[in-house]
Amino acid sequence: MIEPATNQITVAVFASDRGPGDAERASLMTQTGNYFARRGARILTLAEDGAPPVALITAARTAGGAVEVVADASIHLPPVLADVPVHVAGEGAERQALIASRTQALVGLPGSLASATALFATWSAARQQGRVLPVVLLNRHRAFEVVRGFSADVLSHSLKGHERAVQFADTVEDLWSRTQRLVQGR
């Protein structure tokens, strides 16, 4: 299991390998895994319903990064990733609470509604643990515009400092910069 180090950022990256737009999503996962790993980030990721974010995991490991997968019982990694640490947890709430307790920030990549829902559930699990984890979303092709509107209309009234809690990035470089700044500014 990956233990957070004092000089490294542990980031939970929510990405989906299913649905329309797979080629672009795989490219974004590859860029993110590579960029974050080269900057020393430890990556936690979620794999449910037999769909691990293989491109993210492979890119991060190729760049020398540390990756751990939190998964349901349907997990099946390709043989080339057989040595990636996997923690199988029974229920979705258990997986989300585990990720929430072991990460310093949540990062969302454009993908499926399932990955966005899992990110929100993990953020909620952290709140139940008494933690407010920063969330940074890669808003490529306006993928998270609805969340941006929700953040401005709802969170701004109910969560003090919401502008530090939820941010939006347009590039992978900006995604890293915002994530690092939010974690180090805590």
N, C-alpha and C. Protein backbone atom coordinates (compact mmCIF):
# COMPACT_ATOMS: atom_id res chain seq x y z
N MET A 1 0.83 -1.19 0.00
CA MET A 1 0.00 0.00 0.00
C MET A 1 0.86 1.25 0.00
N ILE A 2 0.40 2.27 -0.63
CA ILE A 2 1.14 3.53 -0.70
C ILE A 2 0.86 4.33 0.56
N GLU A 3 1.91 4.74 1.21
CA GLU A 3 1.78 5.61 2.38
C GLU A 3 2.22 7.01 1.97
N PRO A 4 1.43 8.04 2.29
CA PRO A 4 1.81 9.39 1.91
C PRO A 4 3.13 9.79 2.54
N ALA A 5 4.00 10.38 1.74
CA ALA A 5 5.27 10.91 2.23
C ALA A 5 5.10 12.40 2.45
N THR A 6 5.92 12.96 3.33
CA THR A 6 5.76 14.36 3.68
C THR A 6 6.08 15.28 2.51
N ASN A 7 6.97 14.88 1.62
CA ASN A 7 7.33 15.75 0.51
C ASN A 7 6.60 15.41 -0.78
N GLN A 8 5.73 14.46 -0.74
CA GLN A 8 4.98 14.08 -1.93
C GLN A 8 3.50 14.37 -1.73
N ILE A 9 2.87 14.67 -2.83
CA ILE A 9 1.42 14.88 -2.81
C ILE A 9 0.76 13.57 -3.22
N THR A 10 -0.23 13.15 -2.45
CA THR A 10 -1.03 11.99 -2.83
C THR A 10 -2.34 12.51 -3.39
N VAL A 11 -2.60 12.15 -4.64
CA VAL A 11 -3.75 12.67 -5.36
C VAL A 11 -4.63 11.51 -5.82
N ALA A 12 -5.92 11.61 -5.58
CA ALA A 12 -6.87 10.64 -6.12
C ALA A 12 -7.35 11.17 -7.46
N VAL A 13 -7.10 10.39 -8.51
CA VAL A 13 -7.49 10.80 -9.86
C VAL A 13 -8.67 9.93 -10.29
N PHE A 14 -9.76 10.60 -10.64
CA PHE A 14 -10.97 9.92 -11.09
C PHE A 14 -11.04 10.04 -12.60
N ALA A 15 -11.00 8.91 -13.26
CA ALA A 15 -11.01 8.86 -14.72
C ALA A 15 -11.80 7.64 -15.15
N SER A 16 -12.35 7.70 -16.35
CA SER A 16 -13.16 6.60 -16.85
C SER A 16 -12.60 6.11 -18.18
N ASP A 17 -12.61 4.81 -18.34
CA ASP A 17 -12.14 4.19 -19.58
C ASP A 17 -13.31 3.71 -20.44
N ARG A 18 -14.52 4.15 -20.12
CA ARG A 18 -15.70 3.66 -20.83
C ARG A 18 -16.51 4.78 -21.45
N GLY A 19 -17.17 4.47 -22.55
CA GLY A 19 -18.11 5.41 -23.15
C GLY A 19 -17.53 6.13 -24.35
N PRO A 20 -18.33 7.03 -24.96
CA PRO A 20 -17.87 7.75 -26.15
C PRO A 20 -16.69 8.65 -25.81
N GLY A 21 -15.82 8.84 -26.78
CA GLY A 21 -14.67 9.71 -26.58
C GLY A 21 -13.49 9.00 -25.95
N ASP A 22 -13.46 7.67 -26.02
CA ASP A 22 -12.40 6.91 -25.37
C ASP A 22 -11.00 7.32 -25.79
N ALA A 23 -10.78 7.58 -27.08
CA ALA A 23 -9.44 7.92 -27.55
C ALA A 23 -8.94 9.20 -26.90
N GLU A 24 -9.76 10.22 -26.85
CA GLU A 24 -9.32 11.46 -26.21
C GLU A 24 -9.15 11.29 -24.72
N ARG A 25 -10.04 10.55 -24.09
CA ARG A 25 -9.91 10.31 -22.65
C ARG A 25 -8.62 9.56 -22.35
N ALA A 26 -8.29 8.57 -23.17
CA ALA A 26 -7.04 7.83 -22.96
C ALA A 26 -5.85 8.77 -23.09
N SER A 27 -5.90 9.69 -24.02
CA SER A 27 -4.82 10.66 -24.18
C SER A 27 -4.70 11.56 -22.95
N LEU A 28 -5.83 12.04 -22.44
CA LEU A 28 -5.81 12.89 -21.24
C LEU A 28 -5.33 12.12 -20.02
N MET A 29 -5.72 10.85 -19.90
CA MET A 29 -5.24 10.03 -18.79
C MET A 29 -3.73 9.83 -18.89
N THR A 30 -3.24 9.60 -20.11
CA THR A 30 -1.81 9.41 -20.32
C THR A 30 -1.04 10.68 -19.96
N GLN A 31 -1.52 11.82 -20.44
CA GLN A 31 -0.86 13.09 -20.13
C GLN A 31 -0.84 13.34 -18.63
N THR A 32 -1.97 13.12 -17.98
CA THR A 32 -2.08 13.37 -16.54
C THR A 32 -1.19 12.43 -15.74
N GLY A 33 -1.24 11.15 -16.03
CA GLY A 33 -0.41 10.20 -15.32
C GLY A 33 1.07 10.52 -15.46
N ASN A 34 1.49 10.82 -16.67
CA ASN A 34 2.88 11.16 -16.95
C ASN A 34 3.28 12.44 -16.22
N TYR A 35 2.49 13.49 -16.38
CA TYR A 35 2.83 14.80 -15.81
C TYR A 35 2.87 14.76 -14.29
N PHE A 36 1.86 14.17 -13.67
CA PHE A 36 1.81 14.10 -12.21
C PHE A 36 2.94 13.24 -11.65
N ALA A 37 3.20 12.10 -12.28
CA ALA A 37 4.26 11.20 -11.80
C ALA A 37 5.63 11.86 -11.90
N ARG A 38 5.87 12.57 -12.98
CA ARG A 38 7.17 13.24 -13.15
C ARG A 38 7.39 14.34 -12.11
N ARG A 39 6.33 14.79 -11.50
CA ARG A 39 6.44 15.81 -10.46
C ARG A 39 6.37 15.22 -9.06
N GLY A 40 6.41 13.91 -8.99
CA GLY A 40 6.50 13.23 -7.70
C GLY A 40 5.18 12.90 -7.02
N ALA A 41 4.07 13.11 -7.71
CA ALA A 41 2.78 12.79 -7.09
C ALA A 41 2.59 11.29 -6.98
N ARG A 42 1.97 10.89 -5.89
CA ARG A 42 1.51 9.51 -5.74
C ARG A 42 0.05 9.51 -6.17
N ILE A 43 -0.33 8.55 -6.96
CA ILE A 43 -1.68 8.53 -7.52
C ILE A 43 -2.48 7.37 -6.96
N LEU A 44 -3.65 7.70 -6.43
CA LEU A 44 -4.67 6.70 -6.08
C LEU A 44 -5.72 6.79 -7.16
N THR A 45 -6.24 5.66 -7.56
CA THR A 45 -7.32 5.70 -8.54
C THR A 45 -8.33 4.62 -8.20
N LEU A 46 -9.52 4.81 -8.70
CA LEU A 46 -10.64 3.92 -8.42
C LEU A 46 -10.95 3.07 -9.65
N ALA A 47 -11.18 1.79 -9.42
CA ALA A 47 -11.59 0.90 -10.51
C ALA A 47 -12.84 0.16 -10.07
N GLU A 48 -13.91 0.40 -10.78
CA GLU A 48 -15.18 -0.26 -10.47
C GLU A 48 -15.78 -0.83 -11.75
N ASP A 49 -16.59 -1.84 -11.58
CA ASP A 49 -17.30 -2.47 -12.70
C ASP A 49 -16.34 -2.94 -13.80
N GLY A 50 -15.19 -3.45 -13.39
CA GLY A 50 -14.24 -4.02 -14.35
C GLY A 50 -13.59 -3.03 -15.28
N ALA A 51 -13.55 -1.74 -14.91
CA ALA A 51 -13.01 -0.73 -15.82
C ALA A 51 -11.93 0.13 -15.13
N PRO A 52 -10.73 -0.42 -14.96
CA PRO A 52 -9.66 0.41 -14.40
C PRO A 52 -9.16 1.41 -15.44
N PRO A 53 -8.70 2.58 -15.00
CA PRO A 53 -8.15 3.56 -15.95
C PRO A 53 -6.72 3.17 -16.37
N VAL A 54 -6.62 2.20 -17.25
CA VAL A 54 -5.35 1.59 -17.64
C VAL A 54 -4.37 2.63 -18.18
N ALA A 55 -4.82 3.54 -19.01
CA ALA A 55 -3.91 4.54 -19.60
C ALA A 55 -3.28 5.41 -18.51
N LEU A 56 -4.04 5.82 -17.52
CA LEU A 56 -3.53 6.62 -16.41
C LEU A 56 -2.48 5.85 -15.62
N ILE A 57 -2.80 4.62 -15.26
CA ILE A 57 -1.90 3.78 -14.47
C ILE A 57 -0.61 3.51 -15.23
N THR A 58 -0.73 3.12 -16.49
CA THR A 58 0.44 2.79 -17.30
C THR A 58 1.35 4.00 -17.48
N ALA A 59 0.78 5.16 -17.79
CA ALA A 59 1.59 6.36 -18.00
C ALA A 59 2.31 6.78 -16.73
N ALA A 60 1.62 6.74 -15.60
CA ALA A 60 2.24 7.14 -14.34
C ALA A 60 3.38 6.19 -13.99
N ARG A 61 3.17 4.92 -14.15
CA ARG A 61 4.22 3.95 -13.83
C ARG A 61 5.39 4.04 -14.80
N THR A 62 5.11 4.27 -16.06
CA THR A 62 6.18 4.42 -17.05
C THR A 62 7.05 5.63 -16.72
N ALA A 63 6.44 6.66 -16.15
CA ALA A 63 7.17 7.87 -15.76
C ALA A 63 7.83 7.72 -14.39
N GLY A 64 7.76 6.54 -13.81
CA GLY A 64 8.41 6.29 -12.52
C GLY A 64 7.56 6.61 -11.31
N GLY A 65 6.27 6.81 -11.51
CA GLY A 65 5.39 7.18 -10.42
C GLY A 65 4.84 6.00 -9.64
N ALA A 66 4.35 6.31 -8.46
CA ALA A 66 3.72 5.32 -7.59
C ALA A 66 2.21 5.41 -7.78
N VAL A 67 1.59 4.27 -8.00
CA VAL A 67 0.15 4.20 -8.24
C VAL A 67 -0.43 3.08 -7.38
N GLU A 68 -1.61 3.33 -6.85
CA GLU A 68 -2.36 2.31 -6.14
C GLU A 68 -3.80 2.36 -6.64
N VAL A 69 -4.40 1.20 -6.76
CA VAL A 69 -5.78 1.11 -7.22
C VAL A 69 -6.66 0.65 -6.05
N VAL A 70 -7.75 1.36 -5.84
CA VAL A 70 -8.78 0.94 -4.91
C VAL A 70 -9.92 0.45 -5.78
N ALA A 71 -10.36 -0.79 -5.54
CA ALA A 71 -11.26 -1.42 -6.50
C ALA A 71 -12.35 -2.25 -5.84
N ASP A 72 -13.35 -2.58 -6.67
CA ASP A 72 -14.33 -3.56 -6.26
C ASP A 72 -13.82 -4.94 -6.68
N ALA A 73 -14.59 -5.96 -6.39
CA ALA A 73 -14.14 -7.34 -6.65
C ALA A 73 -14.01 -7.66 -8.13
N SER A 74 -14.52 -6.82 -9.02
CA SER A 74 -14.43 -7.11 -10.45
C SER A 74 -13.10 -6.71 -11.07
N ILE A 75 -12.16 -6.24 -10.26
CA ILE A 75 -10.89 -5.74 -10.77
C ILE A 75 -10.11 -6.82 -11.53
N HIS A 76 -9.62 -6.42 -12.68
CA HIS A 76 -8.74 -7.28 -13.47
C HIS A 76 -7.80 -6.36 -14.23
N LEU A 77 -6.56 -6.30 -13.76
CA LEU A 77 -5.56 -5.49 -14.44
C LEU A 77 -4.85 -6.35 -15.49
N PRO A 78 -4.41 -5.72 -16.57
CA PRO A 78 -3.64 -6.47 -17.57
C PRO A 78 -2.36 -7.04 -16.93
N PRO A 79 -1.85 -8.13 -17.45
CA PRO A 79 -0.65 -8.76 -16.86
C PRO A 79 0.53 -7.81 -16.68
N VAL A 80 0.69 -6.85 -17.56
CA VAL A 80 1.81 -5.91 -17.46
C VAL A 80 1.70 -5.03 -16.20
N LEU A 81 0.51 -4.93 -15.63
CA LEU A 81 0.30 -4.13 -14.42
C LEU A 81 0.07 -5.01 -13.18
N ALA A 82 0.48 -6.27 -13.27
CA ALA A 82 0.24 -7.22 -12.19
C ALA A 82 0.87 -6.80 -10.86
N ASP A 83 1.93 -6.01 -10.89
CA ASP A 83 2.58 -5.62 -9.63
C ASP A 83 2.08 -4.30 -9.06
N VAL A 84 1.02 -3.73 -9.65
CA VAL A 84 0.42 -2.51 -9.12
C VAL A 84 -0.38 -2.88 -7.88
N PRO A 85 -0.15 -2.19 -6.76
CA PRO A 85 -0.91 -2.50 -5.54
C PRO A 85 -2.41 -2.25 -5.75
N VAL A 86 -3.21 -3.22 -5.37
CA VAL A 86 -4.67 -3.12 -5.49
C VAL A 86 -5.27 -3.42 -4.12
N HIS A 87 -6.15 -2.54 -3.68
CA HIS A 87 -6.88 -2.76 -2.43
C HIS A 87 -8.35 -2.97 -2.81
N VAL A 88 -8.85 -4.16 -2.59
CA VAL A 88 -10.24 -4.47 -2.90
C VAL A 88 -11.09 -4.18 -1.66
N ALA A 89 -12.11 -3.36 -1.86
CA ALA A 89 -13.04 -3.02 -0.78
C ALA A 89 -14.45 -3.31 -1.27
N GLY A 90 -15.26 -3.86 -0.41
CA GLY A 90 -16.59 -4.37 -0.79
C GLY A 90 -17.58 -3.37 -1.33
N GLU A 91 -17.94 -2.40 -0.56
CA GLU A 91 -18.99 -1.46 -0.94
C GLU A 91 -18.40 -0.15 -1.47
N GLY A 92 -19.18 0.53 -2.30
CA GLY A 92 -18.74 1.81 -2.84
C GLY A 92 -18.38 2.81 -1.76
N ALA A 93 -19.20 2.88 -0.72
CA ALA A 93 -18.95 3.82 0.38
C ALA A 93 -17.63 3.49 1.09
N GLU A 94 -17.32 2.23 1.21
CA GLU A 94 -16.05 1.82 1.84
C GLU A 94 -14.86 2.25 0.97
N ARG A 95 -14.99 2.06 -0.34
CA ARG A 95 -13.92 2.46 -1.26
C ARG A 95 -13.72 3.97 -1.22
N GLN A 96 -14.79 4.70 -1.23
CA GLN A 96 -14.70 6.16 -1.22
C GLN A 96 -14.13 6.68 0.09
N ALA A 97 -14.52 6.08 1.20
CA ALA A 97 -13.98 6.50 2.50
C ALA A 97 -12.48 6.19 2.58
N LEU A 98 -12.07 5.05 2.03
CA LEU A 98 -10.66 4.70 2.02
C LEU A 98 -9.85 5.72 1.22
N ILE A 99 -10.32 6.04 0.04
CA ILE A 99 -9.61 7.02 -0.79
C ILE A 99 -9.59 8.37 -0.08
N ALA A 100 -10.71 8.78 0.47
CA ALA A 100 -10.79 10.08 1.16
C ALA A 100 -9.80 10.17 2.31
N SER A 101 -9.58 9.07 3.00
CA SER A 101 -8.68 9.09 4.15
C SER A 101 -7.21 9.09 3.74
N ARG A 102 -6.90 8.72 2.51
CA ARG A 102 -5.51 8.54 2.09
C ARG A 102 -5.02 9.54 1.06
N THR A 103 -5.84 10.53 0.72
CA THR A 103 -5.43 11.47 -0.31
C THR A 103 -5.43 12.90 0.22
N GLN A 104 -4.76 13.76 -0.50
CA GLN A 104 -4.71 15.17 -0.14
C GLN A 104 -5.53 16.03 -1.09
N ALA A 105 -5.90 15.47 -2.24
CA ALA A 105 -6.69 16.22 -3.23
C ALA A 105 -7.39 15.23 -4.15
N LEU A 106 -8.48 15.71 -4.74
CA LEU A 106 -9.24 14.92 -5.70
C LEU A 106 -9.13 15.61 -7.06
N VAL A 107 -8.82 14.82 -8.08
CA VAL A 107 -8.69 15.35 -9.43
C VAL A 107 -9.67 14.60 -10.32
N GLY A 108 -10.44 15.35 -11.09
CA GLY A 108 -11.40 14.74 -12.00
C GLY A 108 -11.03 15.00 -13.44
N LEU A 109 -10.98 13.94 -14.23
CA LEU A 109 -10.74 14.05 -15.66
C LEU A 109 -12.06 13.85 -16.38
N PRO A 110 -12.22 14.45 -17.56
CA PRO A 110 -13.46 14.22 -18.31
C PRO A 110 -13.66 12.72 -18.53
N GLY A 111 -14.87 12.28 -18.36
CA GLY A 111 -15.14 10.86 -18.50
C GLY A 111 -16.62 10.60 -18.39
N SER A 112 -16.93 9.62 -17.60
CA SER A 112 -18.32 9.21 -17.49
C SER A 112 -18.97 9.85 -16.27
N LEU A 113 -20.27 9.77 -16.24
CA LEU A 113 -21.03 10.23 -15.09
C LEU A 113 -20.65 9.41 -13.86
N ALA A 114 -20.30 8.14 -14.06
CA ALA A 114 -19.91 7.27 -12.95
C ALA A 114 -18.66 7.79 -12.25
N SER A 115 -17.66 8.24 -13.01
CA SER A 115 -16.44 8.74 -12.37
C SER A 115 -16.69 10.06 -11.66
N ALA A 116 -17.53 10.92 -12.22
CA ALA A 116 -17.88 12.19 -11.55
C ALA A 116 -18.67 11.91 -10.28
N THR A 117 -19.56 10.94 -10.31
CA THR A 117 -20.34 10.57 -9.14
C THR A 117 -19.43 10.00 -8.05
N ALA A 118 -18.47 9.17 -8.43
CA ALA A 118 -17.53 8.60 -7.46
C ALA A 118 -16.67 9.70 -6.84
N LEU A 119 -16.26 10.68 -7.63
CA LEU A 119 -15.49 11.80 -7.10
C LEU A 119 -16.31 12.55 -6.06
N PHE A 120 -17.56 12.86 -6.39
CA PHE A 120 -18.42 13.59 -5.45
C PHE A 120 -18.65 12.77 -4.18
N ALA A 121 -18.86 11.47 -4.32
CA ALA A 121 -19.08 10.61 -3.15
C ALA A 121 -17.83 10.56 -2.28
N THR A 122 -16.66 10.57 -2.89
CA THR A 122 -15.41 10.58 -2.13
C THR A 122 -15.23 11.91 -1.41
N TRP A 123 -15.55 13.00 -2.07
CA TRP A 123 -15.49 14.32 -1.45
C TRP A 123 -16.44 14.36 -0.24
N SER A 124 -17.62 13.79 -0.41
CA SER A 124 -18.60 13.73 0.70
C SER A 124 -18.08 12.86 1.83
N ALA A 125 -17.43 11.76 1.51
CA ALA A 125 -16.86 10.87 2.54
C ALA A 125 -15.78 11.61 3.33
N ALA A 126 -14.99 12.41 2.65
CA ALA A 126 -13.96 13.21 3.35
C ALA A 126 -14.62 14.20 4.29
N ARG A 127 -15.70 14.82 3.85
CA ARG A 127 -16.43 15.77 4.71
C ARG A 127 -16.95 15.06 5.96
N GLN A 128 -17.42 13.84 5.82
CA GLN A 128 -17.88 13.06 6.97
C GLN A 128 -16.73 12.73 7.92
N GLN A 129 -15.51 12.67 7.38
CA GLN A 129 -14.32 12.44 8.19
C GLN A 129 -13.78 13.74 8.78
N GLY A 130 -14.47 14.85 8.49
CA GLY A 130 -14.04 16.15 9.00
C GLY A 130 -12.98 16.82 8.17
N ARG A 131 -12.83 16.39 6.93
CA ARG A 131 -11.82 16.95 6.03
C ARG A 131 -12.50 17.60 4.83
N VAL A 132 -11.95 18.71 4.38
CA VAL A 132 -12.40 19.32 3.13
C VAL A 132 -11.27 19.15 2.14
N LEU A 133 -11.41 18.20 1.24
CA LEU A 133 -10.39 17.96 0.24
C LEU A 133 -10.59 18.90 -0.94
N PRO A 134 -9.51 19.49 -1.43
CA PRO A 134 -9.65 20.31 -2.63
C PRO A 134 -9.96 19.42 -3.83
N VAL A 135 -10.76 19.95 -4.73
CA VAL A 135 -11.14 19.26 -5.95
C VAL A 135 -10.71 20.12 -7.13
N VAL A 136 -9.99 19.52 -8.07
CA VAL A 136 -9.60 20.23 -9.28
C VAL A 136 -10.07 19.39 -10.46
N LEU A 137 -10.84 20.02 -11.34
CA LEU A 137 -11.44 19.32 -12.47
C LEU A 137 -10.86 19.83 -13.79
N LEU A 138 -10.48 18.91 -14.66
CA LEU A 138 -9.99 19.27 -15.99
C LEU A 138 -11.20 19.52 -16.87
N ASN A 139 -11.46 20.78 -17.15
CA ASN A 139 -12.67 21.19 -17.85
C ASN A 139 -12.48 21.21 -19.37
N ARG A 140 -11.85 20.19 -19.88
CA ARG A 140 -11.59 20.07 -21.32
C ARG A 140 -12.92 19.96 -22.07
N HIS A 141 -13.06 20.76 -23.10
CA HIS A 141 -14.30 20.80 -23.90
C HIS A 141 -15.53 21.03 -23.01
N ARG A 142 -15.34 21.81 -21.96
CA ARG A 142 -16.41 22.21 -21.05
C ARG A 142 -17.10 21.00 -20.38
N ALA A 143 -16.33 19.96 -20.13
CA ALA A 143 -16.85 18.72 -19.55
C ALA A 143 -17.48 18.92 -18.18
N PHE A 144 -17.00 19.93 -17.43
CA PHE A 144 -17.50 20.13 -16.08
C PHE A 144 -18.22 21.47 -15.92
N GLU A 145 -18.79 21.98 -16.98
CA GLU A 145 -19.51 23.27 -16.90
C GLU A 145 -20.69 23.21 -15.95
N VAL A 146 -21.37 22.08 -15.91
CA VAL A 146 -22.50 21.95 -14.99
C VAL A 146 -22.01 22.03 -13.55
N VAL A 147 -20.89 21.39 -13.27
CA VAL A 147 -20.32 21.43 -11.93
C VAL A 147 -19.84 22.84 -11.61
N ARG A 148 -19.28 23.53 -12.60
CA ARG A 148 -18.86 24.92 -12.39
C ARG A 148 -20.06 25.78 -12.00
N GLY A 149 -21.17 25.60 -12.68
CA GLY A 149 -22.39 26.34 -12.36
C GLY A 149 -22.90 25.99 -10.97
N PHE A 150 -22.90 24.70 -10.65
CA PHE A 150 -23.32 24.26 -9.31
C PHE A 150 -22.43 24.89 -8.25
N SER A 151 -21.13 24.90 -8.51
CA SER A 151 -20.18 25.46 -7.55
C SER A 151 -20.47 26.94 -7.31
N ALA A 152 -20.71 27.67 -8.38
CA ALA A 152 -20.98 29.10 -8.24
C ALA A 152 -22.34 29.37 -7.60
N ASP A 153 -23.34 28.58 -7.96
CA ASP A 153 -24.70 28.85 -7.49
C ASP A 153 -25.02 28.24 -6.12
N VAL A 154 -24.49 27.06 -5.83
CA VAL A 154 -24.87 26.36 -4.61
C VAL A 154 -23.74 26.37 -3.57
N LEU A 155 -22.56 25.91 -3.97
CA LEU A 155 -21.47 25.84 -3.00
C LEU A 155 -21.08 27.20 -2.46
N SER A 156 -21.18 28.22 -3.31
CA SER A 156 -20.78 29.55 -2.86
C SER A 156 -21.60 30.02 -1.66
N HIS A 157 -22.81 29.50 -1.51
CA HIS A 157 -23.67 29.89 -0.40
C HIS A 157 -23.56 28.95 0.80
N SER A 158 -23.06 27.75 0.58
CA SER A 158 -23.07 26.78 1.67
C SER A 158 -21.69 26.33 2.15
N LEU A 159 -20.64 26.64 1.41
CA LEU A 159 -19.30 26.19 1.78
C LEU A 159 -18.35 27.38 1.79
N LYS A 160 -17.95 27.77 2.98
CA LYS A 160 -17.01 28.88 3.10
C LYS A 160 -15.71 28.52 2.40
N GLY A 161 -15.20 29.42 1.60
CA GLY A 161 -13.96 29.18 0.86
C GLY A 161 -14.13 28.22 -0.30
N HIS A 162 -15.34 28.16 -0.87
CA HIS A 162 -15.59 27.22 -1.96
C HIS A 162 -14.64 27.41 -3.12
N GLU A 163 -14.18 28.65 -3.34
CA GLU A 163 -13.28 28.91 -4.47
C GLU A 163 -11.92 28.23 -4.27
N ARG A 164 -11.59 27.90 -3.03
CA ARG A 164 -10.38 27.12 -2.76
C ARG A 164 -10.68 25.63 -2.74
N ALA A 165 -11.92 25.28 -2.54
CA ALA A 165 -12.30 23.87 -2.45
C ALA A 165 -12.50 23.23 -3.81
N VAL A 166 -13.03 23.98 -4.78
CA VAL A 166 -13.30 23.45 -6.10
C VAL A 166 -12.76 24.41 -7.14
N GLN A 167 -11.85 23.90 -7.98
CA GLN A 167 -11.28 24.73 -9.04
C GLN A 167 -11.31 23.99 -10.36
N PHE A 168 -11.18 24.74 -11.42
CA PHE A 168 -11.28 24.19 -12.77
C PHE A 168 -10.02 24.55 -13.55
N ALA A 169 -9.51 23.59 -14.31
CA ALA A 169 -8.31 23.79 -15.11
C ALA A 169 -8.63 23.49 -16.56
N ASP A 170 -7.88 24.14 -17.45
CA ASP A 170 -8.09 23.92 -18.88
C ASP A 170 -7.04 23.01 -19.51
N THR A 171 -5.89 22.85 -18.83
CA THR A 171 -4.82 22.00 -19.35
C THR A 171 -4.31 21.10 -18.22
N VAL A 172 -3.58 20.07 -18.59
CA VAL A 172 -3.01 19.17 -17.59
C VAL A 172 -1.99 19.91 -16.74
N GLU A 173 -1.23 20.80 -17.35
CA GLU A 173 -0.25 21.58 -16.61
C GLU A 173 -0.94 22.45 -15.56
N ASP A 174 -2.02 23.09 -15.94
CA ASP A 174 -2.79 23.92 -15.01
C ASP A 174 -3.44 23.05 -13.94
N LEU A 175 -3.87 21.86 -14.30
CA LEU A 175 -4.46 20.90 -13.36
C LEU A 175 -3.44 20.60 -12.24
N TRP A 176 -2.20 20.30 -12.62
CA TRP A 176 -1.15 20.03 -11.63
C TRP A 176 -0.87 21.27 -10.79
N SER A 177 -0.71 22.41 -11.45
CA SER A 177 -0.37 23.65 -10.74
C SER A 177 -1.41 23.98 -9.68
N ARG A 178 -2.67 23.90 -10.04
CA ARG A 178 -3.75 24.20 -9.09
C ARG A 178 -3.79 23.18 -7.96
N THR A 179 -3.62 21.91 -8.30
CA THR A 179 -3.64 20.86 -7.29
C THR A 179 -2.51 21.07 -6.29
N GLN A 180 -1.33 21.27 -6.79
CA GLN A 180 -0.17 21.48 -5.92
C GLN A 180 -0.35 22.71 -5.03
N ARG A 181 -0.81 23.79 -5.61
CA ARG A 181 -1.02 25.04 -4.86
C ARG A 181 -2.06 24.84 -3.76
N LEU A 182 -3.14 24.16 -4.07
CA LEU A 182 -4.19 23.94 -3.07
C LEU A 182 -3.71 23.05 -1.93
N VAL A 183 -2.96 22.02 -2.25
CA VAL A 183 -2.47 21.10 -1.22
C VAL A 183 -1.42 21.79 -0.35
N GLN A 184 -0.51 22.50 -0.95
CA GLN A 184 0.56 23.14 -0.18
C GLN A 184 0.07 24.37 0.59
N GLY A 185 -1.05 24.95 0.15
CA GLY A 185 -1.59 26.12 0.82
C GLY A 185 -2.47 25.79 2.00
N ARG A 186 -2.62 24.52 2.32
CA ARG A 186 -3.51 24.11 3.41
C ARG A 186 -2.89 24.32 4.75
